[in-house]
Amino acid sequence: MKNSIIDEVRAARAALAEEHGYDRKKILEWARREQAELKSRIPNKSEQARPGKPGKPGKPSDQVGLSTGAPIL
């Protein structure tokens, strides 16, 4: 049984390996650069606008987790 998605992933992986000369270190460096670039394009949640009136913080329930360092979901 052939799965077109699996075939596509395998082809992409093979092309990536060939592009970097089958060198794991080069592939890892590429992956780290790509991840850093992706992270730089995603806005930080702490920089996003919070609910409430401009210039005033929202309700205390909107601020849950900010002071404790808990992740914001």
N, C-alpha and C. Protein backbone atom coordinates (compact mmCIF):
# COMPACT_ATOMS: atom_id res chain seq x y z
N MET A 1 0.85 -1.17 0.00
CA MET A 1 0.00 0.00 0.00
C MET A 1 0.90 1.24 0.00
N LYS A 2 0.65 2.14 -0.93
CA LYS A 2 1.44 3.36 -1.04
C LYS A 2 0.68 4.51 -0.40
N ASN A 3 1.44 5.34 0.32
CA ASN A 3 0.85 6.53 0.93
C ASN A 3 1.57 7.73 0.34
N SER A 4 0.84 8.60 -0.33
CA SER A 4 1.45 9.73 -1.03
C SER A 4 2.11 10.72 -0.06
N ILE A 5 1.57 10.87 1.12
CA ILE A 5 2.15 11.79 2.10
C ILE A 5 3.51 11.27 2.57
N ILE A 6 3.58 9.99 2.87
CA ILE A 6 4.85 9.39 3.30
C ILE A 6 5.88 9.49 2.19
N ASP A 7 5.46 9.24 0.95
CA ASP A 7 6.37 9.36 -0.19
C ASP A 7 6.89 10.80 -0.32
N GLU A 8 6.01 11.77 -0.12
CA GLU A 8 6.41 13.18 -0.22
C GLU A 8 7.41 13.56 0.87
N VAL A 9 7.18 13.10 2.09
CA VAL A 9 8.10 13.38 3.19
C VAL A 9 9.45 12.74 2.94
N ARG A 10 9.45 11.52 2.48
CA ARG A 10 10.71 10.83 2.20
C ARG A 10 11.49 11.51 1.07
N ALA A 11 10.78 11.98 0.07
CA ALA A 11 11.44 12.69 -1.04
C ALA A 11 12.04 14.00 -0.56
N ALA A 12 11.31 14.72 0.28
CA ALA A 12 11.81 15.99 0.82
C ALA A 12 13.04 15.74 1.69
N ARG A 13 13.00 14.70 2.51
CA ARG A 13 14.13 14.36 3.37
C ARG A 13 15.35 13.98 2.53
N ALA A 14 15.14 13.22 1.48
CA ALA A 14 16.24 12.81 0.61
C ALA A 14 16.85 14.02 -0.10
N ALA A 15 16.00 14.95 -0.54
CA ALA A 15 16.49 16.15 -1.21
C ALA A 15 17.29 17.02 -0.25
N LEU A 16 16.83 17.14 0.97
CA LEU A 16 17.53 17.93 1.98
C LEU A 16 18.89 17.32 2.29
N ALA A 17 18.93 16.01 2.43
CA ALA A 17 20.20 15.32 2.71
C ALA A 17 21.17 15.51 1.55
N GLU A 18 20.68 15.36 0.33
CA GLU A 18 21.53 15.53 -0.84
C GLU A 18 22.04 16.97 -0.95
N GLU A 19 21.16 17.93 -0.65
CA GLU A 19 21.52 19.35 -0.72
C GLU A 19 22.67 19.69 0.24
N HIS A 20 22.73 19.01 1.36
CA HIS A 20 23.77 19.27 2.37
C HIS A 20 24.88 18.22 2.36
N GLY A 21 24.98 17.49 1.27
CA GLY A 21 26.06 16.53 1.11
C GLY A 21 26.00 15.38 2.09
N TYR A 22 24.83 15.03 2.55
CA TYR A 22 24.63 13.93 3.49
C TYR A 22 25.44 14.13 4.78
N ASP A 23 25.72 15.39 5.11
CA ASP A 23 26.50 15.72 6.31
C ASP A 23 25.53 16.12 7.43
N ARG A 24 25.49 15.31 8.48
CA ARG A 24 24.56 15.56 9.58
C ARG A 24 24.76 16.92 10.23
N LYS A 25 26.02 17.32 10.38
CA LYS A 25 26.30 18.61 11.01
C LYS A 25 25.74 19.77 10.19
N LYS A 26 25.89 19.68 8.88
CA LYS A 26 25.36 20.74 8.01
C LYS A 26 23.83 20.76 8.06
N ILE A 27 23.23 19.60 8.09
CA ILE A 27 21.76 19.52 8.17
C ILE A 27 21.29 20.10 9.49
N LEU A 28 21.97 19.79 10.58
CA LEU A 28 21.60 20.31 11.89
C LEU A 28 21.78 21.83 11.95
N GLU A 29 22.86 22.34 11.38
CA GLU A 29 23.06 23.79 11.33
C GLU A 29 21.93 24.46 10.55
N TRP A 30 21.56 23.87 9.43
CA TRP A 30 20.46 24.40 8.62
C TRP A 30 19.17 24.41 9.43
N ALA A 31 18.89 23.31 10.13
CA ALA A 31 17.66 23.21 10.91
C ALA A 31 17.63 24.26 12.02
N ARG A 32 18.76 24.51 12.66
CA ARG A 32 18.82 25.52 13.73
C ARG A 32 18.60 26.92 13.17
N ARG A 33 19.19 27.20 12.00
CA ARG A 33 18.98 28.51 11.37
C ARG A 33 17.51 28.70 11.00
N GLU A 34 16.91 27.66 10.45
CA GLU A 34 15.50 27.74 10.07
C GLU A 34 14.61 27.95 11.29
N GLN A 35 14.92 27.26 12.38
CA GLN A 35 14.12 27.39 13.59
C GLN A 35 14.27 28.80 14.17
N ALA A 36 15.48 29.33 14.18
CA ALA A 36 15.70 30.68 14.70
C ALA A 36 14.95 31.71 13.85
N GLU A 37 14.97 31.53 12.54
CA GLU A 37 14.25 32.44 11.66
C GLU A 37 12.75 32.37 11.91
N LEU A 38 12.25 31.16 12.09
CA LEU A 38 10.83 30.98 12.36
C LEU A 38 10.44 31.65 13.68
N LYS A 39 11.26 31.46 14.71
CA LYS A 39 10.97 32.06 16.01
C LYS A 39 10.99 33.58 15.93
N SER A 40 11.85 34.13 15.09
CA SER A 40 11.94 35.59 14.99
C SER A 40 10.70 36.17 14.31
N ARG A 41 9.98 35.37 13.54
CA ARG A 41 8.77 35.86 12.87
C ARG A 41 7.52 35.69 13.70
N ILE A 42 7.58 34.88 14.75
CA ILE A 42 6.41 34.66 15.61
C ILE A 42 6.43 35.69 16.73
N PRO A 43 5.35 36.48 16.88
CA PRO A 43 5.36 37.50 17.94
C PRO A 43 5.39 36.87 19.33
N ASN A 44 6.11 37.52 20.22
CA ASN A 44 6.22 37.08 21.60
C ASN A 44 4.90 37.38 22.30
N LYS A 45 4.37 36.44 23.06
CA LYS A 45 3.08 36.65 23.72
C LYS A 45 3.12 37.83 24.68
N SER A 46 4.27 38.10 25.29
CA SER A 46 4.34 39.22 26.23
C SER A 46 4.26 40.56 25.50
N GLU A 47 4.54 40.56 24.19
CA GLU A 47 4.46 41.79 23.41
C GLU A 47 3.09 42.01 22.80
N GLN A 48 2.24 41.01 22.84
CA GLN A 48 0.91 41.14 22.26
C GLN A 48 0.03 41.97 23.16
N ALA A 49 -0.95 42.63 22.57
CA ALA A 49 -1.88 43.49 23.33
C ALA A 49 -2.68 42.64 24.31
N ARG A 50 -2.88 43.19 25.47
CA ARG A 50 -3.68 42.54 26.49
C ARG A 50 -5.10 43.11 26.44
N PRO A 51 -6.08 42.31 26.84
CA PRO A 51 -7.46 42.82 26.88
C PRO A 51 -7.58 43.98 27.87
N GLY A 52 -8.54 44.82 27.64
CA GLY A 52 -8.76 45.97 28.53
C GLY A 52 -8.66 47.26 27.75
N LYS A 53 -8.85 48.36 28.45
CA LYS A 53 -8.80 49.66 27.79
C LYS A 53 -7.35 50.03 27.51
N PRO A 54 -7.13 50.79 26.42
CA PRO A 54 -5.76 51.21 26.13
C PRO A 54 -5.17 52.00 27.29
N GLY A 55 -3.94 51.66 27.66
CA GLY A 55 -3.28 52.36 28.75
C GLY A 55 -3.62 51.81 30.12
N LYS A 56 -4.61 50.96 30.22
CA LYS A 56 -5.00 50.37 31.50
C LYS A 56 -4.94 48.85 31.40
N PRO A 57 -4.50 48.20 32.44
CA PRO A 57 -4.47 46.74 32.40
C PRO A 57 -5.88 46.17 32.40
N GLY A 58 -6.02 44.97 31.90
CA GLY A 58 -7.31 44.31 31.90
C GLY A 58 -7.67 43.84 33.30
N LYS A 59 -8.67 42.99 33.36
CA LYS A 59 -9.10 42.43 34.64
C LYS A 59 -7.96 41.62 35.25
N PRO A 60 -7.94 41.46 36.56
CA PRO A 60 -6.90 40.64 37.19
C PRO A 60 -6.86 39.22 36.61
N SER A 61 -8.01 38.70 36.22
CA SER A 61 -8.03 37.35 35.66
C SER A 61 -7.32 37.29 34.31
N ASP A 62 -7.20 38.44 33.61
CA ASP A 62 -6.47 38.48 32.34
C ASP A 62 -4.97 38.37 32.57
N GLN A 63 -4.52 38.68 33.77
CA GLN A 63 -3.10 38.71 34.08
C GLN A 63 -2.62 37.45 34.78
N VAL A 64 -3.48 36.45 34.93
CA VAL A 64 -3.13 35.22 35.64
C VAL A 64 -1.91 34.59 34.99
N GLY A 65 -0.95 34.22 35.81
CA GLY A 65 0.23 33.52 35.33
C GLY A 65 1.37 34.42 34.93
N LEU A 66 1.12 35.71 34.74
CA LEU A 66 2.19 36.58 34.30
C LEU A 66 3.26 36.78 35.37
N SER A 67 2.85 36.94 36.61
CA SER A 67 3.82 37.18 37.66
C SER A 67 4.50 35.90 38.13
N THR A 68 3.86 34.77 37.91
CA THR A 68 4.44 33.51 38.39
C THR A 68 5.33 32.86 37.36
N GLY A 69 5.31 33.37 36.15
CA GLY A 69 6.12 32.77 35.10
C GLY A 69 5.46 31.55 34.49
N ALA A 70 4.21 31.29 34.84
CA ALA A 70 3.49 30.17 34.27
C ALA A 70 3.22 30.44 32.80
N PRO A 71 3.20 29.44 31.96
CA PRO A 71 2.95 29.66 30.54
C PRO A 71 1.54 30.17 30.29
N ILE A 72 1.43 31.02 29.30
CA ILE A 72 0.12 31.54 28.90
C ILE A 72 -0.38 30.66 27.78
N LEU A 73 -1.53 30.10 27.95
CA LEU A 73 -2.07 29.18 26.93
C LEU A 73 -3.02 29.89 26.04
